[in-house]
Amino acid sequence: MWVAALVCAVVISGMWLSDALTTDMSYTNNPEAKRAGDLIEARLRGPEQNHEIVIVRSRSQTVDEASFRAYVEDLQRDVTELGRQVVLATLSY
């Protein structure tokens, strides 16, 4: 009986709260830190870009092996060919 009531309560609260629960973050006011960030973006650096990191690993090869280095360099070339509007690629060992 109690288990059924608990399950019903969880289901009902999930249905009613689904619109109210979110992971989006926003300010309810306009604090000084938010205004400063907006000014830096507008006047100095432009919109912040996404950052992605690609890590290449191998279970059987090391970075000292020519075939592994060749694979990584080919991958970097493929990514770089997307163009500077899409990606700024750097290689690091």
PDB file of N, CA and C in Angstrom:
ATOM      1  N   MET A   1       0.821  -1.192   0.000  1.00  0.00           N
ATOM      2  CA  MET A   1       0.000   0.000   0.000  1.00  0.00           C
ATOM      3  C   MET A   1       0.867   1.259   0.000  1.00  0.00           C
ATOM      4  N   TRP A   2       1.819   1.327   0.942  1.00  0.00           N
ATOM      5  CA  TRP A   2       2.674   2.520   1.017  1.00  0.00           C
ATOM      6  C   TRP A   2       3.550   2.643  -0.222  1.00  0.00           C
ATOM      7  N   VAL A   3       4.001   1.551  -0.748  1.00  0.00           N
ATOM      8  CA  VAL A   3       4.844   1.567  -1.943  1.00  0.00           C
ATOM      9  C   VAL A   3       4.054   2.117  -3.130  1.00  0.00           C
ATOM     10  N   ALA A   4       2.804   1.687  -3.269  1.00  0.00           N
ATOM     11  CA  ALA A   4       1.962   2.171  -4.363  1.00  0.00           C
ATOM     12  C   ALA A   4       1.714   3.672  -4.219  1.00  0.00           C
ATOM     13  N   ALA A   5       1.479   4.130  -3.008  1.00  0.00           N
ATOM     14  CA  ALA A   5       1.259   5.559  -2.773  1.00  0.00           C
ATOM     15  C   ALA A   5       2.516   6.361  -3.103  1.00  0.00           C
ATOM     16  N   LEU A   6       3.663   5.829  -2.722  1.00  0.00           N
ATOM     17  CA  LEU A   6       4.928   6.508  -3.006  1.00  0.00           C
ATOM     18  C   LEU A   6       5.183   6.580  -4.507  1.00  0.00           C
ATOM     19  N   VAL A   7       4.932   5.495  -5.210  1.00  0.00           N
ATOM     20  CA  VAL A   7       5.118   5.477  -6.668  1.00  0.00           C
ATOM     21  C   VAL A   7       4.173   6.472  -7.322  1.00  0.00           C
ATOM     22  N   CYS A   8       2.925   6.492  -6.910  1.00  0.00           N
ATOM     23  CA  CYS A   8       1.956   7.451  -7.455  1.00  0.00           C
ATOM     24  C   CYS A   8       2.393   8.888  -7.183  1.00  0.00           C
ATOM     25  N   ALA A   9       2.891   9.150  -5.995  1.00  0.00           N
ATOM     26  CA  ALA A   9       3.341  10.503  -5.653  1.00  0.00           C
ATOM     27  C   ALA A   9       4.511  10.935  -6.532  1.00  0.00           C
ATOM     28  N   VAL A  10       5.452  10.027  -6.769  1.00  0.00           N
ATOM     29  CA  VAL A  10       6.605  10.338  -7.615  1.00  0.00           C
ATOM     30  C   VAL A  10       6.160  10.608  -9.045  1.00  0.00           C
ATOM     31  N   VAL A  11       5.262   9.796  -9.571  1.00  0.00           N
ATOM     32  CA  VAL A  11       4.775   9.964 -10.942  1.00  0.00           C
ATOM     33  C   VAL A  11       4.016  11.278 -11.080  1.00  0.00           C
ATOM     34  N   ILE A  12       3.137  11.553 -10.170  1.00  0.00           N
ATOM     35  CA  ILE A  12       2.335  12.786 -10.238  1.00  0.00           C
ATOM     36  C   ILE A  12       3.215  14.012 -10.096  1.00  0.00           C
ATOM     37  N   SER A  13       4.153  14.002  -9.143  1.00  0.00           N
ATOM     38  CA  SER A  13       5.032  15.170  -8.981  1.00  0.00           C
ATOM     39  C   SER A  13       5.910  15.348 -10.214  1.00  0.00           C
ATOM     40  N   GLY A  14       6.343  14.249 -10.825  1.00  0.00           N
ATOM     41  CA  GLY A  14       7.129  14.351 -12.050  1.00  0.00           C
ATOM     42  C   GLY A  14       6.343  14.974 -13.184  1.00  0.00           C
ATOM     43  N   MET A  15       5.077  14.627 -13.271  1.00  0.00           N
ATOM     44  CA  MET A  15       4.239  15.198 -14.329  1.00  0.00           C
ATOM     45  C   MET A  15       4.020  16.694 -14.102  1.00  0.00           C
ATOM     46  N   TRP A  16       3.754  17.102 -12.873  1.00  0.00           N
ATOM     47  CA  TRP A  16       3.450  18.494 -12.589  1.00  0.00           C
ATOM     48  C   TRP A  16       4.692  19.376 -12.555  1.00  0.00           C
ATOM     49  N   LEU A  17       5.828  18.814 -12.138  1.00  0.00           N
ATOM     50  CA  LEU A  17       7.039  19.619 -12.001  1.00  0.00           C
ATOM     51  C   LEU A  17       7.921  19.609 -13.247  1.00  0.00           C
ATOM     52  N   SER A  18       7.611  18.817 -14.241  1.00  0.00           N
ATOM     53  CA  SER A  18       8.498  18.699 -15.401  1.00  0.00           C
ATOM     54  C   SER A  18       8.709  20.040 -16.095  1.00  0.00           C
ATOM     55  N   ASP A  19       7.714  20.902 -16.123  1.00  0.00           N
ATOM     56  CA  ASP A  19       7.874  22.216 -16.744  1.00  0.00           C
ATOM     57  C   ASP A  19       8.651  23.186 -15.860  1.00  0.00           C
ATOM     58  N   ALA A  20       8.619  22.970 -14.559  1.00  0.00           N
ATOM     59  CA  ALA A  20       9.272  23.894 -13.635  1.00  0.00           C
ATOM     60  C   ALA A  20      10.730  23.552 -13.394  1.00  0.00           C
ATOM     61  N   LEU A  21      11.123  22.295 -13.571  1.00  0.00           N
ATOM     62  CA  LEU A  21      12.496  21.877 -13.307  1.00  0.00           C
ATOM     63  C   LEU A  21      13.317  21.982 -14.590  1.00  0.00           C
ATOM     64  N   THR A  22      14.454  22.639 -14.500  1.00  0.00           N
ATOM     65  CA  THR A  22      15.302  22.829 -15.669  1.00  0.00           C
ATOM     66  C   THR A  22      16.757  22.943 -15.241  1.00  0.00           C
ATOM     67  N   THR A  23      17.665  22.756 -16.184  1.00  0.00           N
ATOM     68  CA  THR A  23      19.085  22.949 -15.906  1.00  0.00           C
ATOM     69  C   THR A  23      19.581  24.270 -16.477  1.00  0.00           C
ATOM     70  N   ASP A  24      18.694  25.038 -17.096  1.00  0.00           N
ATOM     71  CA  ASP A  24      19.090  26.342 -17.632  1.00  0.00           C
ATOM     72  C   ASP A  24      19.370  27.305 -16.494  1.00  0.00           C
ATOM     73  N   MET A  25      20.436  28.106 -16.672  1.00  0.00           N
ATOM     74  CA  MET A  25      20.786  29.080 -15.662  1.00  0.00           C
ATOM     75  C   MET A  25      20.568  30.478 -16.214  1.00  0.00           C
ATOM     76  N   SER A  26      19.876  31.302 -15.479  1.00  0.00           N
ATOM     77  CA  SER A  26      19.720  32.695 -15.872  1.00  0.00           C
ATOM     78  C   SER A  26      19.606  33.542 -14.609  1.00  0.00           C
ATOM     79  N   TYR A  27      19.940  34.807 -14.761  1.00  0.00           N
ATOM     80  CA  TYR A  27      19.870  35.728 -13.633  1.00  0.00           C
ATOM     81  C   TYR A  27      18.447  36.259 -13.508  1.00  0.00           C
ATOM     82  N   THR A  28      18.021  36.507 -12.283  1.00  0.00           N
ATOM     83  CA  THR A  28      16.717  37.127 -12.083  1.00  0.00           C
ATOM     84  C   THR A  28      16.839  38.637 -12.086  1.00  0.00           C
ATOM     85  N   ASN A  29      18.067  39.130 -12.049  1.00  0.00           N
ATOM     86  CA  ASN A  29      18.324  40.564 -12.138  1.00  0.00           C
ATOM     87  C   ASN A  29      19.533  40.765 -13.049  1.00  0.00           C
ATOM     88  N   ASN A  30      20.115  41.928 -13.054  1.00  0.00           N
ATOM     89  CA  ASN A  30      21.265  42.222 -13.910  1.00  0.00           C
ATOM     90  C   ASN A  30      22.450  42.643 -13.037  1.00  0.00           C
ATOM     91  N   PRO A  31      23.129  41.689 -12.382  1.00  0.00           N
ATOM     92  CA  PRO A  31      24.206  42.051 -11.458  1.00  0.00           C
ATOM     93  C   PRO A  31      25.407  42.647 -12.191  1.00  0.00           C
ATOM     94  N   GLU A  32      26.258  43.302 -11.430  1.00  0.00           N
ATOM     95  CA  GLU A  32      27.427  43.970 -11.991  1.00  0.00           C
ATOM     96  C   GLU A  32      28.343  42.998 -12.736  1.00  0.00           C
ATOM     97  N   ALA A  33      28.521  41.806 -12.224  1.00  0.00           N
ATOM     98  CA  ALA A  33      29.382  40.820 -12.885  1.00  0.00           C
ATOM     99  C   ALA A  33      28.824  40.440 -14.253  1.00  0.00           C
ATOM    100  N   LYS A  34      27.514  40.317 -14.361  1.00  0.00           N
ATOM    101  CA  LYS A  34      26.880  39.999 -15.643  1.00  0.00           C
ATOM    102  C   LYS A  34      27.052  41.154 -16.622  1.00  0.00           C
ATOM    103  N   ARG A  35      26.857  42.366 -16.163  1.00  0.00           N
ATOM    104  CA  ARG A  35      27.038  43.547 -17.033  1.00  0.00           C
ATOM    105  C   ARG A  35      28.482  43.647 -17.493  1.00  0.00           C
ATOM    106  N   ALA A  36      29.439  43.383 -16.601  1.00  0.00           N
ATOM    107  CA  ALA A  36      30.859  43.429 -16.972  1.00  0.00           C
ATOM    108  C   ALA A  36      31.170  42.373 -18.025  1.00  0.00           C
ATOM    109  N   GLY A  37      30.665  41.165 -17.857  1.00  0.00           N
ATOM    110  CA  GLY A  37      30.876  40.122 -18.850  1.00  0.00           C
ATOM    111  C   GLY A  37      30.299  40.483 -20.205  1.00  0.00           C
ATOM    112  N   ASP A  38      29.135  41.082 -20.195  1.00  0.00           N
ATOM    113  CA  ASP A  38      28.509  41.518 -21.456  1.00  0.00           C
ATOM    114  C   ASP A  38      29.335  42.607 -22.143  1.00  0.00           C
ATOM    115  N   LEU A  39      29.887  43.544 -21.371  1.00  0.00           N
ATOM    116  CA  LEU A  39      30.720  44.606 -21.948  1.00  0.00           C
ATOM    117  C   LEU A  39      32.015  44.047 -22.520  1.00  0.00           C
ATOM    118  N   ILE A  40      32.636  43.126 -21.809  1.00  0.00           N
ATOM    119  CA  ILE A  40      33.871  42.516 -22.315  1.00  0.00           C
ATOM    120  C   ILE A  40      33.587  41.799 -23.624  1.00  0.00           C
ATOM    121  N   GLU A  41      32.490  41.069 -23.678  1.00  0.00           N
ATOM    122  CA  GLU A  41      32.136  40.351 -24.904  1.00  0.00           C
ATOM    123  C   GLU A  41      31.834  41.317 -26.042  1.00  0.00           C
ATOM    124  N   ALA A  42      31.129  42.381 -25.760  1.00  0.00           N
ATOM    125  CA  ALA A  42      30.722  43.317 -26.812  1.00  0.00           C
ATOM    126  C   ALA A  42      31.867  44.191 -27.299  1.00  0.00           C
ATOM    127  N   ARG A  43      32.764  44.604 -26.404  1.00  0.00           N
ATOM    128  CA  ARG A  43      33.769  45.603 -26.770  1.00  0.00           C
ATOM    129  C   ARG A  43      35.178  45.065 -26.954  1.00  0.00           C
ATOM    130  N   LEU A  44      35.500  43.896 -26.391  1.00  0.00           N
ATOM    131  CA  LEU A  44      36.880  43.431 -26.442  1.00  0.00           C
ATOM    132  C   LEU A  44      37.074  42.161 -27.267  1.00  0.00           C
ATOM    133  N   ARG A  45      36.460  41.086 -26.886  1.00  0.00           N
ATOM    134  CA  ARG A  45      36.812  39.816 -27.505  1.00  0.00           C
ATOM    135  C   ARG A  45      35.736  39.224 -28.393  1.00  0.00           C
ATOM    136  N   GLY A  46      34.540  39.739 -28.390  1.00  0.00           N
ATOM    137  CA  GLY A  46      33.458  39.146 -29.159  1.00  0.00           C
ATOM    138  C   GLY A  46      32.853  37.969 -28.421  1.00  0.00           C
ATOM    139  N   PRO A  47      31.922  37.301 -29.060  1.00  0.00           N
ATOM    140  CA  PRO A  47      31.258  36.179 -28.390  1.00  0.00           C
ATOM    141  C   PRO A  47      32.239  35.065 -28.050  1.00  0.00           C
ATOM    142  N   GLU A  48      32.045  34.461 -26.906  1.00  0.00           N
ATOM    143  CA  GLU A  48      32.921  33.364 -26.493  1.00  0.00           C
ATOM    144  C   GLU A  48      32.650  32.141 -27.373  1.00  0.00           C
ATOM    145  N   GLN A  49      33.721  31.522 -27.819  1.00  0.00           N
ATOM    146  CA  GLN A  49      33.598  30.375 -28.698  1.00  0.00           C
ATOM    147  C   GLN A  49      33.607  29.092 -27.892  1.00  0.00           C
ATOM    148  N   ASN A  50      33.105  28.038 -28.513  1.00  0.00           N
ATOM    149  CA  ASN A  50      33.151  26.718 -27.891  1.00  0.00           C
ATOM    150  C   ASN A  50      34.579  26.198 -27.934  1.00  0.00           C
ATOM    151  N   HIS A  51      34.934  25.402 -26.954  1.00  0.00           N
ATOM    152  CA  HIS A  51      36.261  24.805 -26.885  1.00  0.00           C
ATOM    153  C   HIS A  51      36.120  23.294 -26.836  1.00  0.00           C
ATOM    154  N   GLU A  52      36.812  22.633 -27.710  1.00  0.00           N
ATOM    155  CA  GLU A  52      36.813  21.172 -27.747  1.00  0.00           C
ATOM    156  C   GLU A  52      38.253  20.695 -27.710  1.00  0.00           C
ATOM    157  N   ILE A  53      38.481  19.580 -27.075  1.00  0.00           N
ATOM    158  CA  ILE A  53      39.806  18.973 -27.007  1.00  0.00           C
ATOM    159  C   ILE A  53      39.681  17.543 -27.514  1.00  0.00           C
ATOM    160  N   VAL A  54      40.592  17.159 -28.387  1.00  0.00           N
ATOM    161  CA  VAL A  54      40.617  15.793 -28.895  1.00  0.00           C
ATOM    162  C   VAL A  54      41.851  15.112 -28.307  1.00  0.00           C
ATOM    163  N   ILE A  55      41.621  14.020 -27.623  1.00  0.00           N
ATOM    164  CA  ILE A  55      42.715  13.239 -27.053  1.00  0.00           C
ATOM    165  C   ILE A  55      42.769  11.919 -27.798  1.00  0.00           C
ATOM    166  N   VAL A  56      43.937  11.612 -28.337  1.00  0.00           N
ATOM    167  CA  VAL A  56      44.111  10.375 -29.092  1.00  0.00           C
ATOM    168  C   VAL A  56      44.941   9.419 -28.236  1.00  0.00           C
ATOM    169  N   ARG A  57      44.404   8.220 -28.013  1.00  0.00           N
ATOM    170  CA  ARG A  57      45.093   7.225 -27.205  1.00  0.00           C
ATOM    171  C   ARG A  57      45.182   5.926 -27.978  1.00  0.00           C
ATOM    172  N   SER A  58      46.143   5.126 -27.619  1.00  0.00           N
ATOM    173  CA  SER A  58      46.283   3.802 -28.215  1.00  0.00           C
ATOM    174  C   SER A  58      46.675   2.812 -27.136  1.00  0.00           C
ATOM    175  N   ARG A  59      46.093   1.639 -27.198  1.00  0.00           N
ATOM    176  CA  ARG A  59      46.443   0.590 -26.233  1.00  0.00           C
ATOM    177  C   ARG A  59      47.728  -0.122 -26.636  1.00  0.00           C
ATOM    178  N   SER A  60      48.077  -0.025 -27.933  1.00  0.00           N
ATOM    179  CA  SER A  60      49.222  -0.806 -28.402  1.00  0.00           C
ATOM    180  C   SER A  60      50.396   0.033 -28.879  1.00  0.00           C
ATOM    181  N   GLN A  61      50.211   1.335 -29.073  1.00  0.00           N
ATOM    182  CA  GLN A  61      51.292   2.175 -29.590  1.00  0.00           C
ATOM    183  C   GLN A  61      51.561   3.334 -28.644  1.00  0.00           C
ATOM    184  N   THR A  62      52.769   3.908 -28.787  1.00  0.00           N
ATOM    185  CA  THR A  62      53.133   5.082 -28.009  1.00  0.00           C
ATOM    186  C   THR A  62      53.378   6.244 -28.950  1.00  0.00           C
ATOM    187  N   VAL A  63      53.520   7.434 -28.401  1.00  0.00           N
ATOM    188  CA  VAL A  63      53.742   8.617 -29.233  1.00  0.00           C
ATOM    189  C   VAL A  63      55.094   8.578 -29.928  1.00  0.00           C
ATOM    190  N   ASP A  64      55.995   7.737 -29.475  1.00  0.00           N
ATOM    191  CA  ASP A  64      57.307   7.629 -30.110  1.00  0.00           C
ATOM    192  C   ASP A  64      57.272   6.824 -31.409  1.00  0.00           C
ATOM    193  N   GLU A  65      56.217   6.068 -31.624  1.00  0.00           N
ATOM    194  CA  GLU A  65      56.131   5.237 -32.816  1.00  0.00           C
ATOM    195  C   GLU A  65      55.649   6.058 -34.010  1.00  0.00           C
ATOM    196  N   ALA A  66      56.308   5.821 -35.144  1.00  0.00           N
ATOM    197  CA  ALA A  66      56.026   6.600 -36.352  1.00  0.00           C
ATOM    198  C   ALA A  66      54.585   6.430 -36.824  1.00  0.00           C
ATOM    199  N   SER A  67      54.027   5.241 -36.731  1.00  0.00           N
ATOM    200  CA  SER A  67      52.663   5.017 -37.207  1.00  0.00           C
ATOM    201  C   SER A  67      51.635   5.771 -36.360  1.00  0.00           C
ATOM    202  N   PHE A  68      51.880   5.845 -35.052  1.00  0.00           N
ATOM    203  CA  PHE A  68      50.979   6.602 -34.182  1.00  0.00           C
ATOM    204  C   PHE A  68      51.065   8.085 -34.482  1.00  0.00           C
ATOM    205  N   ARG A  69      52.287   8.601 -34.612  1.00  0.00           N
ATOM    206  CA  ARG A  69      52.466  10.024 -34.941  1.00  0.00           C
ATOM    207  C   ARG A  69      51.814  10.350 -36.269  1.00  0.00           C
ATOM    208  N   ALA A  70      51.975   9.451 -37.261  1.00  0.00           N
ATOM    209  CA  ALA A  70      51.379   9.686 -38.579  1.00  0.00           C
ATOM    210  C   ALA A  70      49.861   9.745 -38.475  1.00  0.00           C
ATOM    211  N   TYR A  71      49.279   8.851 -37.692  1.00  0.00           N
ATOM    212  CA  TYR A  71      47.833   8.853 -37.512  1.00  0.00           C
ATOM    213  C   TYR A  71      47.361  10.163 -36.885  1.00  0.00           C
ATOM    214  N   VAL A  72      48.037  10.604 -35.834  1.00  0.00           N
ATOM    215  CA  VAL A  72      47.659  11.835 -35.143  1.00  0.00           C
ATOM    216  C   VAL A  72      47.822  13.040 -36.071  1.00  0.00           C
ATOM    217  N   GLU A  73      48.904  13.081 -36.819  1.00  0.00           N
ATOM    218  CA  GLU A  73      49.124  14.206 -37.730  1.00  0.00           C
ATOM    219  C   GLU A  73      48.100  14.209 -38.859  1.00  0.00           C
ATOM    220  N   ASP A  74      47.704  13.034 -39.358  1.00  0.00           N
ATOM    221  CA  ASP A  74      46.645  12.963 -40.366  1.00  0.00           C
ATOM    222  C   ASP A  74      45.317  13.457 -39.796  1.00  0.00           C
ATOM    223  N   LEU A  75      45.030  13.058 -38.565  1.00  0.00           N
ATOM    224  CA  LEU A  75      43.808  13.510 -37.908  1.00  0.00           C
ATOM    225  C   LEU A  75      43.819  15.023 -37.737  1.00  0.00           C
ATOM    226  N   GLN A  76      44.956  15.575 -37.313  1.00  0.00           N
ATOM    227  CA  GLN A  76      45.060  17.024 -37.161  1.00  0.00           C
ATOM    228  C   GLN A  76      44.853  17.723 -38.499  1.00  0.00           C
ATOM    229  N   ARG A  77      45.436  17.193 -39.561  1.00  0.00           N
ATOM    230  CA  ARG A  77      45.267  17.794 -40.883  1.00  0.00           C
ATOM    231  C   ARG A  77      43.792  17.781 -41.296  1.00  0.00           C
ATOM    232  N   ASP A  78      43.106  16.658 -41.058  1.00  0.00           N
ATOM    233  CA  ASP A  78      41.684  16.567 -41.395  1.00  0.00           C
ATOM    234  C   ASP A  78      40.867  17.599 -40.630  1.00  0.00           C
ATOM    235  N   VAL A  79      41.173  17.772 -39.358  1.00  0.00           N
ATOM    236  CA  VAL A  79      40.444  18.748 -38.546  1.00  0.00           C
ATOM    237  C   VAL A  79      40.768  20.165 -39.004  1.00  0.00           C
ATOM    238  N   THR A  80      42.030  20.438 -39.289  1.00  0.00           N
ATOM    239  CA  THR A  80      42.450  21.767 -39.722  1.00  0.00           C
ATOM    240  C   THR A  80      41.807  22.146 -41.051  1.00  0.00           C
ATOM    241  N   GLU A  81      41.575  21.160 -41.915  1.00  0.00           N
ATOM    242  CA  GLU A  81      40.965  21.436 -43.217  1.00  0.00           C
ATOM    243  C   GLU A  81      39.524  21.921 -43.105  1.00  0.00           C
ATOM    244  N   LEU A  82      38.939  21.854 -41.928  1.00  0.00           N
ATOM    245  CA  LEU A  82      37.605  22.411 -41.733  1.00  0.00           C
ATOM    246  C   LEU A  82      37.619  23.937 -41.851  1.00  0.00           C
ATOM    247  N   GLY A  83      38.783  24.542 -41.696  1.00  0.00           N
ATOM    248  CA  GLY A  83      38.934  25.986 -41.849  1.00  0.00           C
ATOM    249  C   GLY A  83      38.995  26.718 -40.526  1.00  0.00           C
ATOM    250  N   ARG A  84      39.598  27.902 -40.550  1.00  0.00           N
ATOM    251  CA  ARG A  84      39.783  28.689 -39.326  1.00  0.00           C
ATOM    252  C   ARG A  84      38.470  29.232 -38.776  1.00  0.00           C
ATOM    253  N   GLN A  85      37.429  29.305 -39.605  1.00  0.00           N
ATOM    254  CA  GLN A  85      36.134  29.738 -39.090  1.00  0.00           C
ATOM    255  C   GLN A  85      35.528  28.673 -38.170  1.00  0.00           C
ATOM    256  N   VAL A  86      35.939  27.422 -38.381  1.00  0.00           N
ATOM    257  CA  VAL A  86      35.391  26.314 -37.617  1.00  0.00           C
ATOM    258  C   VAL A  86      36.307  25.909 -36.477  1.00  0.00           C
ATOM    259  N   VAL A  87      37.615  25.858 -36.772  1.00  0.00           N
ATOM    260  CA  VAL A  87      38.535  25.269 -35.798  1.00  0.00           C
ATOM    261  C   VAL A  87      39.896  25.932 -35.847  1.00  0.00           C
ATOM    262  N   LEU A  88      40.520  26.017 -34.706  1.00  0.00           N
ATOM    263  CA  LEU A  88      41.914  26.411 -34.600  1.00  0.00           C
ATOM    264  C   LEU A  88      42.623  25.236 -33.952  1.00  0.00           C
ATOM    265  N   ALA A  89      43.357  24.471 -34.749  1.00  0.00           N
ATOM    266  CA  ALA A  89      43.944  23.226 -34.262  1.00  0.00           C
ATOM    267  C   ALA A  89      45.401  23.429 -33.875  1.00  0.00           C
ATOM    268  N   THR A  90      45.775  22.852 -32.754  1.00  0.00           N
ATOM    269  CA  THR A  90      47.172  22.814 -32.349  1.00  0.00           C
ATOM    270  C   THR A  90      47.503  21.374 -31.998  1.00  0.00           C
ATOM    271  N   LEU A  91      48.753  21.043 -32.140  1.00  0.00           N
ATOM    272  CA  LEU A  91      49.196  19.679 -31.863  1.00  0.00           C
ATOM    273  C   LEU A  91      50.163  19.704 -30.698  1.00  0.00           C
ATOM    274  N   SER A  92      49.953  18.790 -29.758  1.00  0.00           N
ATOM    275  CA  SER A  92      50.806  18.745 -28.585  1.00  0.00           C
ATOM    276  C   SER A  92      51.025  17.292 -28.195  1.00  0.00           C
ATOM    277  N   TYR A  93      52.280  16.946 -27.917  1.00  0.00           N
ATOM    278  CA  TYR A  93      52.597  15.588 -27.453  1.00  0.00           C
ATOM    279  C   TYR A  93      53.047  15.645 -26.029  1.00  0.00           C
TER     280      TYR A  93
END
